[in-house]
PDB file of N, CA and C in Angstrom:
ATOM      1  N   MET A   1       0.862  -1.182   0.047  1.00  0.00           N
ATOM      2  CA  MET A   1      -0.048   0.026  -0.010  1.00  0.00           C
ATOM      3  C   MET A   1       1.008   1.190  -0.132  1.00  0.00           C
ATOM      4  N   THR A   2       0.586   2.141  -0.905  1.00  0.00           N
ATOM      5  CA  THR A   2       1.382   3.403  -0.910  1.00  0.00           C
ATOM      6  C   THR A   2       0.460   4.413  -0.011  1.00  0.00           C
ATOM      7  N   ILE A   3       1.383   5.074   0.872  1.00  0.00           N
ATOM      8  CA  ILE A   3       0.816   5.799   1.793  1.00  0.00           C
ATOM      9  C   ILE A   3       1.161   7.282   1.661  1.00  0.00           C
ATOM     10  N   GLY A   4       0.338   8.341   1.495  1.00  0.00           N
ATOM     11  CA  GLY A   4       0.706   9.622   1.049  1.00  0.00           C
ATOM     12  C   GLY A   4       1.329  10.231   2.437  1.00  0.00           C
ATOM     13  N   GLN A   5       1.871  11.608   2.406  1.00  0.00           N
ATOM     14  CA  GLN A   5       2.315  12.294   3.598  1.00  0.00           C
ATOM     15  C   GLN A   5       1.409  12.462   4.499  1.00  0.00           C
ATOM     16  N   GLN A   6       1.688  11.822   5.767  1.00  0.00           N
ATOM     17  CA  GLN A   6       0.635  11.914   6.865  1.00  0.00           C
ATOM     18  C   GLN A   6       1.270  12.937   7.841  1.00  0.00           C
ATOM     19  N   THR A   7       0.336  13.637   8.719  1.00  0.00           N
ATOM     20  CA  THR A   7       0.881  14.496   9.775  1.00  0.00           C
ATOM     21  C   THR A   7       0.798  14.027  11.090  1.00  0.00           C
ATOM     22  N   ASN A   8       1.501  14.720  12.037  1.00  0.00           N
ATOM     23  CA  ASN A   8       1.469  14.351  13.512  1.00  0.00           C
ATOM     24  C   ASN A   8       0.416  15.392  14.088  1.00  0.00           C
ATOM     25  N   VAL A   9       0.342  15.264  15.401  1.00  0.00           N
ATOM     26  CA  VAL A   9      -0.638  16.098  16.206  1.00  0.00           C
ATOM     27  C   VAL A   9      -0.550  17.606  16.004  1.00  0.00           C
ATOM     28  N   TYR A  10       0.673  18.065  15.661  1.00  0.00           N
ATOM     29  CA  TYR A  10       1.104  19.342  15.433  1.00  0.00           C
ATOM     30  C   TYR A  10       0.847  19.792  13.748  1.00  0.00           C
ATOM     31  N   GLY A  11       0.295  18.924  13.098  1.00  0.00           N
ATOM     32  CA  GLY A  11       0.181  19.284  11.609  1.00  0.00           C
ATOM     33  C   GLY A  11       1.432  19.160  10.866  1.00  0.00           C
ATOM     34  N   GLU A  12       2.450  18.764  11.460  1.00  0.00           N
ATOM     35  CA  GLU A  12       3.865  18.587  10.562  1.00  0.00           C
ATOM     36  C   GLU A  12       3.942  17.235   9.967  1.00  0.00           C
ATOM     37  N   PRO A  13       4.764  16.984   9.179  1.00  0.00           N
ATOM     38  CA  PRO A  13       5.049  15.625   8.686  1.00  0.00           C
ATOM     39  C   PRO A  13       5.242  14.675   9.840  1.00  0.00           C
ATOM     40  N   ILE A  14       4.663  13.578   9.868  1.00  0.00           N
ATOM     41  CA  ILE A  14       4.800  12.550  10.894  1.00  0.00           C
ATOM     42  C   ILE A  14       6.263  11.972  10.836  1.00  0.00           C
ATOM     43  N   GLU A  15       6.818  11.971  12.011  1.00  0.00           N
ATOM     44  CA  GLU A  15       8.295  11.397  12.150  1.00  0.00           C
ATOM     45  C   GLU A  15       8.125   9.836  12.457  1.00  0.00           C
ATOM     46  N   PRO A  16       9.185   9.065  12.118  1.00  0.00           N
ATOM     47  CA  PRO A  16       9.234   7.581  12.497  1.00  0.00           C
ATOM     48  C   PRO A  16       9.040   7.507  13.975  1.00  0.00           C
ATOM     49  N   CYS A  17       8.481   6.408  14.330  1.00  0.00           N
ATOM     50  CA  CYS A  17       8.264   5.914  15.700  1.00  0.00           C
ATOM     51  C   CYS A  17       9.445   4.828  16.216  1.00  0.00           C
ATOM     52  N   ASN A  18       9.304   3.931  15.250  1.00  0.00           N
ATOM     53  CA  ASN A  18      10.516   2.803  15.888  1.00  0.00           C
ATOM     54  C   ASN A  18      10.664   2.018  14.612  1.00  0.00           C
ATOM     55  N   PHE A  19      11.986   1.413  14.545  1.00  0.00           N
ATOM     56  CA  PHE A  19      12.333   0.514  13.510  1.00  0.00           C
ATOM     57  C   PHE A  19      12.817  -0.793  14.106  1.00  0.00           C
ATOM     58  N   ASP A  20      12.904  -0.859  15.463  1.00  0.00           N
ATOM     59  CA  ASP A  20      13.405  -2.030  15.987  1.00  0.00           C
ATOM     60  C   ASP A  20      12.722  -2.141  17.519  1.00  0.00           C
ATOM     61  N   PRO A  21      11.536  -2.739  17.614  1.00  0.00           N
ATOM     62  CA  PRO A  21      10.971  -3.642  16.641  1.00  0.00           C
ATOM     63  C   PRO A  21      10.217  -2.649  15.646  1.00  0.00           C
ATOM     64  N   ILE A  22      10.112  -3.092  14.391  1.00  0.00           N
ATOM     65  CA  ILE A  22       9.483  -2.571  13.456  1.00  0.00           C
ATOM     66  C   ILE A  22       7.966  -2.276  13.896  1.00  0.00           C
ATOM     67  N   THR A  23       7.325  -1.120  13.920  1.00  0.00           N
ATOM     68  CA  THR A  23       6.096  -0.682  14.135  1.00  0.00           C
ATOM     69  C   THR A  23       5.238  -0.287  13.164  1.00  0.00           C
ATOM     70  N   GLY A  24       4.054   0.115  13.504  1.00  0.00           N
ATOM     71  CA  GLY A  24       3.031   0.705  12.599  1.00  0.00           C
ATOM     72  C   GLY A  24       2.196  -0.349  12.084  1.00  0.00           C
ATOM     73  N   PHE A  25       0.958   0.131  11.771  1.00  0.00           N
ATOM     74  CA  PHE A  25       0.003  -0.686  11.252  1.00  0.00           C
ATOM     75  C   PHE A  25       0.502  -1.449   9.984  1.00  0.00           C
ATOM     76  N   TYR A  26       1.133  -0.552   9.060  1.00  0.00           N
ATOM     77  CA  TYR A  26       1.651  -1.047   7.903  1.00  0.00           C
ATOM     78  C   TYR A  26       3.197  -1.415   7.950  1.00  0.00           C
ATOM     79  N   ARG A  27       3.675  -1.528   9.115  1.00  0.00           N
ATOM     80  CA  ARG A  27       5.183  -1.894   9.407  1.00  0.00           C
ATOM     81  C   ARG A  27       6.074  -1.126   8.668  1.00  0.00           C
ATOM     82  N   THR A  28       5.894   0.195   8.725  1.00  0.00           N
ATOM     83  CA  THR A  28       6.764   1.206   8.136  1.00  0.00           C
ATOM     84  C   THR A  28       7.636   1.882   9.058  1.00  0.00           C
ATOM     85  N   GLY A  29       7.513   1.529  10.322  1.00  0.00           N
ATOM     86  CA  GLY A  29       8.398   2.205  11.326  1.00  0.00           C
ATOM     87  C   GLY A  29       7.558   3.589  11.900  1.00  0.00           C
ATOM     88  N   CYS A  30       6.534   4.052  11.012  1.00  0.00           N
ATOM     89  CA  CYS A  30       5.758   5.150  11.488  1.00  0.00           C
ATOM     90  C   CYS A  30       4.176   4.885  11.587  1.00  0.00           C
ATOM     91  N   CYS A  31       3.642   5.726  12.525  1.00  0.00           N
ATOM     92  CA  CYS A  31       2.199   5.479  13.074  1.00  0.00           C
ATOM     93  C   CYS A  31       1.127   5.935  12.028  1.00  0.00           C
ATOM     94  N   GLU A  32       1.376   5.610  10.728  1.00  0.00           N
ATOM     95  CA  GLU A  32       0.494   5.914   9.681  1.00  0.00           C
ATOM     96  C   GLU A  32      -0.645   5.237   9.767  1.00  0.00           C
ATOM     97  N   THR A  33      -1.813   5.556   9.212  1.00  0.00           N
ATOM     98  CA  THR A  33      -3.181   5.018   9.298  1.00  0.00           C
ATOM     99  C   THR A  33      -3.905   5.264   7.909  1.00  0.00           C
ATOM    100  N   GLY A  34      -4.764   4.269   7.831  1.00  0.00           N
ATOM    101  CA  GLY A  34      -5.783   4.358   6.699  1.00  0.00           C
ATOM    102  C   GLY A  34      -7.054   3.656   6.861  1.00  0.00           C
ATOM    103  N   GLY A  35      -7.791   3.666   5.845  1.00  0.00           N
ATOM    104  CA  GLY A  35      -9.064   3.132   6.020  1.00  0.00           C
ATOM    105  C   GLY A  35      -9.157   1.518   6.425  1.00  0.00           C
ATOM    106  N   ASP A  36      -8.063   0.950   6.323  1.00  0.00           N
ATOM    107  CA  ASP A  36      -8.159  -0.608   6.534  1.00  0.00           C
ATOM    108  C   ASP A  36      -7.453  -0.900   8.085  1.00  0.00           C
ATOM    109  N   ASP A  37      -7.257   0.271   8.846  1.00  0.00           N
ATOM    110  CA  ASP A  37      -6.515   0.112   9.959  1.00  0.00           C
ATOM    111  C   ASP A  37      -7.815   0.610  11.161  1.00  0.00           C
ATOM    112  N   SER A  38      -8.540  -0.578  11.331  1.00  0.00           N
ATOM    113  CA  SER A  38      -9.825  -0.236  12.185  1.00  0.00           C
ATOM    114  C   SER A  38      -9.359  -0.052  13.737  1.00  0.00           C
ATOM    115  N   GLY A  39      -8.230  -0.307  14.028  1.00  0.00           N
ATOM    116  CA  GLY A  39      -7.782  -0.136  15.285  1.00  0.00           C
ATOM    117  C   GLY A  39      -7.203   1.159  15.689  1.00  0.00           C
ATOM    118  N   VAL A  40      -6.947   2.118  14.536  1.00  0.00           N
ATOM    119  CA  VAL A  40      -6.374   3.434  14.637  1.00  0.00           C
ATOM    120  C   VAL A  40      -5.103   3.367  15.586  1.00  0.00           C
ATOM    121  N   HIS A  41      -3.922   2.681  14.876  1.00  0.00           N
ATOM    122  CA  HIS A  41      -2.740   2.528  15.395  1.00  0.00           C
ATOM    123  C   HIS A  41      -1.895   3.789  15.224  1.00  0.00           C
ATOM    124  N   THR A  42      -2.190   4.767  16.039  1.00  0.00           N
ATOM    125  CA  THR A  42      -1.650   6.075  15.712  1.00  0.00           C
ATOM    126  C   THR A  42      -0.773   6.851  16.652  1.00  0.00           C
ATOM    127  N   VAL A  43      -0.764   6.150  17.912  1.00  0.00           N
ATOM    128  CA  VAL A  43      -0.085   6.923  19.171  1.00  0.00           C
ATOM    129  C   VAL A  43       1.252   6.289  19.258  1.00  0.00           C
ATOM    130  N   CYS A  44       2.273   7.024  19.037  1.00  0.00           N
ATOM    131  CA  CYS A  44       3.718   6.445  19.323  1.00  0.00           C
ATOM    132  C   CYS A  44       4.018   6.431  20.643  1.00  0.00           C
ATOM    133  N   ALA A  45       3.837   5.282  21.262  1.00  0.00           N
ATOM    134  CA  ALA A  45       4.068   5.182  22.741  1.00  0.00           C
ATOM    135  C   ALA A  45       5.174   4.505  23.175  1.00  0.00           C
ATOM    136  N   ILE A  46       5.657   4.791  24.450  1.00  0.00           N
ATOM    137  CA  ILE A  46       6.949   4.004  24.954  1.00  0.00           C
ATOM    138  C   ILE A  46       6.494   3.168  25.977  1.00  0.00           C
ATOM    139  N   MET A  47       6.619   1.922  25.855  1.00  0.00           N
ATOM    140  CA  MET A  47       6.191   0.946  26.675  1.00  0.00           C
ATOM    141  C   MET A  47       6.587   0.947  28.029  1.00  0.00           C
ATOM    142  N   THR A  48       5.934   0.720  29.073  1.00  0.00           N
ATOM    143  CA  THR A  48       6.259   0.714  30.458  1.00  0.00           C
ATOM    144  C   THR A  48       5.738  -0.745  30.921  1.00  0.00           C
ATOM    145  N   ALA A  49       6.329  -1.359  32.151  1.00  0.00           N
ATOM    146  CA  ALA A  49       6.014  -2.489  32.542  1.00  0.00           C
ATOM    147  C   ALA A  49       4.446  -2.323  33.122  1.00  0.00           C
ATOM    148  N   ASP A  50       4.128  -1.250  33.524  1.00  0.00           N
ATOM    149  CA  ASP A  50       2.865  -0.925  34.222  1.00  0.00           C
ATOM    150  C   ASP A  50       1.814  -0.967  32.977  1.00  0.00           C
ATOM    151  N   PHE A  51       2.115  -0.278  31.922  1.00  0.00           N
ATOM    152  CA  PHE A  51       1.126  -0.446  30.693  1.00  0.00           C
ATOM    153  C   PHE A  51       1.004  -1.642  30.157  1.00  0.00           C
ATOM    154  N   LEU A  52       2.226  -2.396  29.937  1.00  0.00           N
ATOM    155  CA  LEU A  52       2.120  -3.755  29.420  1.00  0.00           C
ATOM    156  C   LEU A  52       1.321  -4.647  30.257  1.00  0.00           C
ATOM    157  N   GLU A  53       1.498  -4.592  31.513  1.00  0.00           N
ATOM    158  CA  GLU A  53       0.525  -5.510  32.514  1.00  0.00           C
ATOM    159  C   GLU A  53      -0.935  -5.060  32.389  1.00  0.00           C
ATOM    160  N   TYR A  54      -1.200  -3.719  32.343  1.00  0.00           N
ATOM    161  CA  TYR A  54      -2.429  -3.268  32.118  1.00  0.00           C
ATOM    162  C   TYR A  54      -3.121  -3.764  30.834  1.00  0.00           C
ATOM    163  N   SER A  55      -2.389  -3.572  29.872  1.00  0.00           N
ATOM    164  CA  SER A  55      -2.915  -3.956  28.488  1.00  0.00           C
ATOM    165  C   SER A  55      -3.272  -5.434  28.412  1.00  0.00           C
ATOM    166  N   LYS A  56      -2.462  -6.314  29.137  1.00  0.00           N
ATOM    167  CA  LYS A  56      -2.642  -7.686  29.096  1.00  0.00           C
ATOM    168  C   LYS A  56      -3.767  -7.949  29.925  1.00  0.00           C
ATOM    169  N   SER A  57      -4.096  -7.385  30.984  1.00  0.00           N
ATOM    170  CA  SER A  57      -5.294  -7.601  31.857  1.00  0.00           C
ATOM    171  C   SER A  57      -6.570  -7.275  31.227  1.00  0.00           C
ATOM    172  N   VAL A  58      -6.463  -6.190  30.042  1.00  0.00           N
ATOM    173  CA  VAL A  58      -7.691  -5.922  29.441  1.00  0.00           C
ATOM    174  C   VAL A  58      -7.842  -6.751  28.138  1.00  0.00           C
ATOM    175  N   GLY A  59      -6.983  -7.770  27.968  1.00  0.00           N
ATOM    176  CA  GLY A  59      -6.995  -8.635  26.686  1.00  0.00           C
ATOM    177  C   GLY A  59      -6.192  -8.425  25.504  1.00  0.00           C
ATOM    178  N   ASN A  60      -5.335  -7.381  25.619  1.00  0.00           N
ATOM    179  CA  ASN A  60      -4.280  -7.148  24.629  1.00  0.00           C
ATOM    180  C   ASN A  60      -2.946  -7.343  25.056  1.00  0.00           C
ATOM    181  N   ASP A  61      -2.512  -8.597  24.997  1.00  0.00           N
ATOM    182  CA  ASP A  61      -1.177  -8.965  25.645  1.00  0.00           C
ATOM    183  C   ASP A  61      -0.097  -8.478  24.457  1.00  0.00           C
ATOM    184  N   LEU A  62       0.730  -7.603  24.866  1.00  0.00           N
ATOM    185  CA  LEU A  62       1.648  -7.086  23.909  1.00  0.00           C
ATOM    186  C   LEU A  62       3.004  -7.593  24.244  1.00  0.00           C
ATOM    187  N   SER A  63       3.219  -8.167  25.479  1.00  0.00           N
ATOM    188  CA  SER A  63       4.486  -8.685  25.907  1.00  0.00           C
ATOM    189  C   SER A  63       4.749 -10.053  25.564  1.00  0.00           C
ATOM    190  N   THR A  64       3.873 -11.007  25.317  1.00  0.00           N
ATOM    191  CA  THR A  64       4.194 -12.353  24.885  1.00  0.00           C
ATOM    192  C   THR A  64       4.530 -12.514  23.405  1.00  0.00           C
ATOM    193  N   PRO A  65       5.701 -13.152  23.295  1.00  0.00           N
ATOM    194  CA  PRO A  65       6.109 -13.128  21.744  1.00  0.00           C
ATOM    195  C   PRO A  65       5.139 -14.060  21.089  1.00  0.00           C
ATOM    196  N   MET A  66       4.867 -13.818  19.804  1.00  0.00           N
ATOM    197  CA  MET A  66       4.006 -14.698  18.931  1.00  0.00           C
ATOM    198  C   MET A  66       4.699 -14.754  17.605  1.00  0.00           C
ATOM    199  N   PRO A  67       5.604 -15.897  17.622  1.00  0.00           N
ATOM    200  CA  PRO A  67       6.573 -16.018  16.510  1.00  0.00           C
ATOM    201  C   PRO A  67       5.861 -16.322  15.143  1.00  0.00           C
ATOM    202  N   GLN A  68       4.750 -16.831  15.250  1.00  0.00           N
ATOM    203  CA  GLN A  68       4.051 -17.256  13.923  1.00  0.00           C
ATOM    204  C   GLN A  68       3.552 -16.010  13.287  1.00  0.00           C
ATOM    205  N   TYR A  69       3.592 -14.712  13.860  1.00  0.00           N
ATOM    206  CA  TYR A  69       3.242 -13.436  13.450  1.00  0.00           C
ATOM    207  C   TYR A  69       4.509 -12.617  13.320  1.00  0.00           C
ATOM    208  N   GLY A  70       5.737 -13.003  13.459  1.00  0.00           N
ATOM    209  CA  GLY A  70       6.795 -12.302  13.494  1.00  0.00           C
ATOM    210  C   GLY A  70       6.976 -11.178  14.675  1.00  0.00           C
ATOM    211  N   PHE A  71       6.259 -11.538  15.628  1.00  0.00           N
ATOM    212  CA  PHE A  71       6.054 -10.839  16.760  1.00  0.00           C
ATOM    213  C   PHE A  71       6.888 -11.131  17.987  1.00  0.00           C
ATOM    214  N   ALA A  72       8.010 -10.445  18.306  1.00  0.00           N
ATOM    215  CA  ALA A  72       8.717 -11.022  19.526  1.00  0.00           C
ATOM    216  C   ALA A  72       8.349 -10.420  20.889  1.00  0.00           C
ATOM    217  N   GLY A  73       7.249  -9.803  21.030  1.00  0.00           N
ATOM    218  CA  GLY A  73       6.830  -9.227  22.176  1.00  0.00           C
ATOM    219  C   GLY A  73       7.477  -8.013  22.536  1.00  0.00           C
ATOM    220  N   LEU A  74       6.736  -7.095  23.348  1.00  0.00           N
ATOM    221  CA  LEU A  74       7.429  -5.757  23.622  1.00  0.00           C
ATOM    222  C   LEU A  74       7.841  -5.787  25.008  1.00  0.00           C
ATOM    223  N   LYS A  75       8.779  -5.065  25.309  1.00  0.00           N
ATOM    224  CA  LYS A  75       9.262  -4.844  26.683  1.00  0.00           C
ATOM    225  C   LYS A  75       9.372  -3.327  27.155  1.00  0.00           C
ATOM    226  N   PRO A  76       9.427  -3.003  28.387  1.00  0.00           N
ATOM    227  CA  PRO A  76       9.632  -1.685  28.570  1.00  0.00           C
ATOM    228  C   PRO A  76      10.763  -1.098  27.913  1.00  0.00           C
ATOM    229  N   GLY A  77      10.466   0.223  27.331  1.00  0.00           N
ATOM    230  CA  GLY A  77      11.437   0.918  26.639  1.00  0.00           C
ATOM    231  C   GLY A  77      11.108   0.906  25.149  1.00  0.00           C
ATOM    232  N   ASP A  78      10.404  -0.120  24.755  1.00  0.00           N
ATOM    233  CA  ASP A  78      10.160  -0.340  23.282  1.00  0.00           C
ATOM    234  C   ASP A  78       9.142   0.879  22.945  1.00  0.00           C
ATOM    235  N   GLN A  79       9.320   1.332  21.828  1.00  0.00           N
ATOM    236  CA  GLN A  79       8.319   2.297  21.173  1.00  0.00           C
ATOM    237  C   GLN A  79       7.543   1.527  20.096  1.00  0.00           C
ATOM    238  N   TRP A  80       6.024   1.723  20.333  1.00  0.00           N
ATOM    239  CA  TRP A  80       5.060   1.119  19.628  1.00  0.00           C
ATOM    240  C   TRP A  80       3.905   1.937  19.072  1.00  0.00           C
ATOM    241  N   CYS A  81       3.492   1.655  17.827  1.00  0.00           N
ATOM    242  CA  CYS A  81       2.348   2.578  17.641  1.00  0.00           C
ATOM    243  C   CYS A  81       1.110   1.766  18.235  1.00  0.00           C
ATOM    244  N   LEU A  82       0.581   2.413  19.128  1.00  0.00           N
ATOM    245  CA  LEU A  82      -0.514   1.859  19.940  1.00  0.00           C
ATOM    246  C   LEU A  82      -1.933   2.407  19.460  1.00  0.00           C
ATOM    247  N   CYS A  83      -2.936   1.560  19.528  1.00  0.00           N
ATOM    248  CA  CYS A  83      -4.328   2.133  19.251  1.00  0.00           C
ATOM    249  C   CYS A  83      -4.707   3.338  20.118  1.00  0.00           C
ATOM    250  N   ALA A  84      -5.193   4.338  19.307  1.00  0.00           N
ATOM    251  CA  ALA A  84      -5.539   5.618  20.060  1.00  0.00           C
ATOM    252  C   ALA A  84      -6.546   5.298  21.019  1.00  0.00           C
ATOM    253  N   PRO A  85      -7.830   4.470  20.753  1.00  0.00           N
ATOM    254  CA  PRO A  85      -8.613   4.274  21.843  1.00  0.00           C
ATOM    255  C   PRO A  85      -8.034   3.320  23.061  1.00  0.00           C
ATOM    256  N   ARG A  86      -7.240   2.601  22.786  1.00  0.00           N
ATOM    257  CA  ARG A  86      -6.439   1.869  23.833  1.00  0.00           C
ATOM    258  C   ARG A  86      -5.766   2.921  24.773  1.00  0.00           C
ATOM    259  N   TRP A  87      -5.028   3.893  24.092  1.00  0.00           N
ATOM    260  CA  TRP A  87      -4.291   4.762  24.986  1.00  0.00           C
ATOM    261  C   TRP A  87      -5.162   5.620  25.736  1.00  0.00           C
ATOM    262  N   GLN A  88      -6.130   5.872  25.248  1.00  0.00           N
ATOM    263  CA  GLN A  88      -7.375   6.944  25.891  1.00  0.00           C
ATOM    264  C   GLN A  88      -7.761   6.040  27.196  1.00  0.00           C
ATOM    265  N   GLU A  89      -8.189   4.677  26.957  1.00  0.00           N
ATOM    266  CA  GLU A  89      -8.514   3.724  27.951  1.00  0.00           C
ATOM    267  C   GLU A  89      -7.621   3.528  29.079  1.00  0.00           C
ATOM    268  N   ALA A  90      -6.277   3.419  28.632  1.00  0.00           N
ATOM    269  CA  ALA A  90      -4.987   3.300  29.772  1.00  0.00           C
ATOM    270  C   ALA A  90      -4.944   4.785  30.578  1.00  0.00           C
ATOM    271  N   PHE A  91      -5.119   5.793  29.810  1.00  0.00           N
ATOM    272  CA  PHE A  91      -5.106   7.191  30.522  1.00  0.00           C
ATOM    273  C   PHE A  91      -6.126   7.166  31.489  1.00  0.00           C
ATOM    274  N   GLU A  92      -7.408   6.881  31.243  1.00  0.00           N
ATOM    275  CA  GLU A  92      -8.465   6.775  32.123  1.00  0.00           C
ATOM    276  C   GLU A  92      -8.280   6.005  33.374  1.00  0.00           C
ATOM    277  N   ALA A  93      -7.396   5.035  33.048  1.00  0.00           N
ATOM    278  CA  ALA A  93      -7.163   3.877  34.187  1.00  0.00           C
ATOM    279  C   ALA A  93      -5.830   4.468  34.870  1.00  0.00           C
ATOM    280  N   GLY A  94      -5.328   5.396  34.535  1.00  0.00           N
ATOM    281  CA  GLY A  94      -4.157   5.847  35.083  1.00  0.00           C
ATOM    282  C   GLY A  94      -2.789   5.091  34.792  1.00  0.00           C
ATOM    283  N   LYS A  95      -2.848   4.477  33.629  1.00  0.00           N
ATOM    284  CA  LYS A  95      -1.858   3.503  33.249  1.00  0.00           C
ATOM    285  C   LYS A  95      -1.286   3.895  31.949  1.00  0.00           C
ATOM    286  N   ALA A  96      -1.452   5.210  31.377  1.00  0.00           N
ATOM    287  CA  ALA A  96      -1.039   5.519  29.946  1.00  0.00           C
ATOM    288  C   ALA A  96       0.521   5.637  29.843  1.00  0.00           C
ATOM    289  N   PRO A  97       1.217   5.099  28.772  1.00  0.00           N
ATOM    290  CA  PRO A  97       2.593   5.177  28.581  1.00  0.00           C
ATOM    291  C   PRO A  97       2.828   6.618  28.120  1.00  0.00           C
ATOM    292  N   LYS A  98       4.050   6.972  28.058  1.00  0.00           N
ATOM    293  CA  LYS A  98       4.552   8.146  27.666  1.00  0.00           C
ATOM    294  C   LYS A  98       4.409   8.121  25.985  1.00  0.00           C
ATOM    295  N   VAL A  99       4.274   9.295  25.315  1.00  0.00           N
ATOM    296  CA  VAL A  99       4.249   9.347  23.911  1.00  0.00           C
ATOM    297  C   VAL A  99       5.169  10.127  23.353  1.00  0.00           C
ATOM    298  N   LYS A 100       5.616  10.094  22.102  1.00  0.00           N
ATOM    299  CA  LYS A 100       6.326  10.786  21.101  1.00  0.00           C
ATOM    300  C   LYS A 100       5.362  11.554  20.180  1.00  0.00           C
ATOM    301  N   LEU A 101       5.298  12.880  20.561  1.00  0.00           N
ATOM    302  CA  LEU A 101       4.125  13.668  19.899  1.00  0.00           C
ATOM    303  C   LEU A 101       4.416  13.885  18.409  1.00  0.00           C
ATOM    304  N   ARG A 102       5.749  14.049  18.139  1.00  0.00           N
ATOM    305  CA  ARG A 102       5.970  14.389  16.551  1.00  0.00           C
ATOM    306  C   ARG A 102       5.843  12.998  15.775  1.00  0.00           C
ATOM    307  N   SER A 103       5.754  11.984  16.520  1.00  0.00           N
ATOM    308  CA  SER A 103       5.471  10.584  15.753  1.00  0.00           C
ATOM    309  C   SER A 103       4.151  10.025  15.898  1.00  0.00           C
ATOM    310  N   THR A 104       3.149  10.931  16.512  1.00  0.00           N
ATOM    311  CA  THR A 104       1.909  10.435  16.775  1.00  0.00           C
ATOM    312  C   THR A 104       0.938  11.198  15.920  1.00  0.00           C
ATOM    313  N   HIS A 105       0.240  10.442  15.137  1.00  0.00           N
ATOM    314  CA  HIS A 105      -0.680  10.911  14.033  1.00  0.00           C
ATOM    315  C   HIS A 105      -1.867  11.750  14.570  1.00  0.00           C
ATOM    316  N   THR A 106      -2.211  12.703  13.608  1.00  0.00           N
ATOM    317  CA  THR A 106      -3.085  13.493  14.003  1.00  0.00           C
ATOM    318  C   THR A 106      -4.495  13.091  14.138  1.00  0.00           C
ATOM    319  N   LEU A 107      -4.854  11.967  13.523  1.00  0.00           N
ATOM    320  CA  LEU A 107      -5.984  11.313  13.742  1.00  0.00           C
ATOM    321  C   LEU A 107      -6.320  10.909  15.259  1.00  0.00           C
ATOM    322  N   THR A 108      -5.321  10.756  16.038  1.00  0.00           N
ATOM    323  CA  THR A 108      -5.253  10.382  17.528  1.00  0.00           C
ATOM    324  C   THR A 108      -6.105  11.536  18.273  1.00  0.00           C
ATOM    325  N   LEU A 109      -6.202  12.843  17.703  1.00  0.00           N
ATOM    326  CA  LEU A 109      -6.939  13.719  18.342  1.00  0.00           C
ATOM    327  C   LEU A 109      -8.384  13.557  18.191  1.00  0.00           C
ATOM    328  N   GLU A 110      -8.899  12.627  17.437  1.00  0.00           N
ATOM    329  CA  GLU A 110     -10.229  12.264  17.569  1.00  0.00           C
ATOM    330  C   GLU A 110     -10.688  11.348  18.701  1.00  0.00           C
ATOM    331  N   PHE A 111      -9.654  10.939  19.314  1.00  0.00           N
ATOM    332  CA  PHE A 111      -9.896  10.082  20.467  1.00  0.00           C
ATOM    333  C   PHE A 111      -9.323  10.604  21.771  1.00  0.00           C
ATOM    334  N   VAL A 112      -8.103  11.399  21.707  1.00  0.00           N
ATOM    335  CA  VAL A 112      -7.614  11.875  22.891  1.00  0.00           C
ATOM    336  C   VAL A 112      -7.245  13.303  22.828  1.00  0.00           C
ATOM    337  N   SER A 113      -7.251  14.114  23.852  1.00  0.00           N
ATOM    338  CA  SER A 113      -6.892  15.516  23.818  1.00  0.00           C
ATOM    339  C   SER A 113      -5.483  15.669  23.848  1.00  0.00           C
ATOM    340  N   LEU A 114      -5.256  16.764  23.185  1.00  0.00           N
ATOM    341  CA  LEU A 114      -3.840  17.162  22.764  1.00  0.00           C
ATOM    342  C   LEU A 114      -3.154  17.439  24.242  1.00  0.00           C
ATOM    343  N   LYS A 115      -4.052  18.012  25.045  1.00  0.00           N
ATOM    344  CA  LYS A 115      -3.572  18.265  26.460  1.00  0.00           C
ATOM    345  C   LYS A 115      -3.048  17.144  27.188  1.00  0.00           C
ATOM    346  N   ASP A 116      -3.969  16.027  27.270  1.00  0.00           N
ATOM    347  CA  ASP A 116      -3.582  14.895  27.880  1.00  0.00           C
ATOM    348  C   ASP A 116      -2.260  14.043  27.183  1.00  0.00           C
ATOM    349  N   LEU A 117      -2.223  14.277  25.828  1.00  0.00           N
ATOM    350  CA  LEU A 117      -1.024  13.650  25.181  1.00  0.00           C
ATOM    351  C   LEU A 117       0.194  14.402  25.774  1.00  0.00           C
ATOM    352  N   GLU A 118       0.183  15.752  25.588  1.00  0.00           N
ATOM    353  CA  GLU A 118       1.270  16.679  26.055  1.00  0.00           C
ATOM    354  C   GLU A 118       1.558  16.329  27.475  1.00  0.00           C
ATOM    355  N   ALA A 119       0.802  16.041  28.399  1.00  0.00           N
ATOM    356  CA  ALA A 119       1.121  15.895  29.772  1.00  0.00           C
ATOM    357  C   ALA A 119       1.870  14.513  29.847  1.00  0.00           C
ATOM    358  N   HIS A 120       1.777  13.572  28.701  1.00  0.00           N
ATOM    359  CA  HIS A 120       2.517  12.278  28.804  1.00  0.00           C
ATOM    360  C   HIS A 120       3.690  12.311  27.847  1.00  0.00           C
ATOM    361  N   ALA A 121       4.125  13.557  27.302  1.00  0.00           N
ATOM    362  CA  ALA A 121       5.190  13.624  26.040  1.00  0.00           C
ATOM    363  C   ALA A 121       6.426  13.527  26.615  1.00  0.00           C
ATOM    364  N   VAL A 122       7.301  12.630  25.851  1.00  0.00           N
ATOM    365  CA  VAL A 122       8.735  12.776  26.387  1.00  0.00           C
ATOM    366  C   VAL A 122       9.454  13.942  25.628  1.00  0.00           C
ATOM    367  N   GLU A 123       8.670  14.866  24.779  1.00  0.00           N
ATOM    368  CA  GLU A 123       9.330  15.946  24.107  1.00  0.00           C
ATOM    369  C   GLU A 123       8.048  16.740  23.739  1.00  0.00           C
ATOM    370  N   LYS A 124       8.399  18.181  23.692  1.00  0.00           N
ATOM    371  CA  LYS A 124       7.372  19.267  23.389  1.00  0.00           C
ATOM    372  C   LYS A 124       7.690  19.729  22.064  1.00  0.00           C
TER     373      LYS A 124
END
């Protein structure tokens, strides 16, 4: 799939989130999205043990390797394109991970306020 220029929460060209492990719905390293991304994988989040435990407790185990899908499992410190609704859910539960705003897609703002994202940003 060819993806046109997409923008971050500041309306600037989106920056890469992570290449190791390779992330993004399209596995481009960026939190790009399109009509086939029903989960809206647009938040460049930095994993924490607390968030990974929370995510597993609500049915989305991101830490267990799934080699059949080429997924090694995430660990604290990994950067990953997280679903915007999941980030908001974790925020409401007091478990939201930090985010890289320049790598977080503008569509995220349909689910999460910029103020809440900025409060969890590793950069401004």
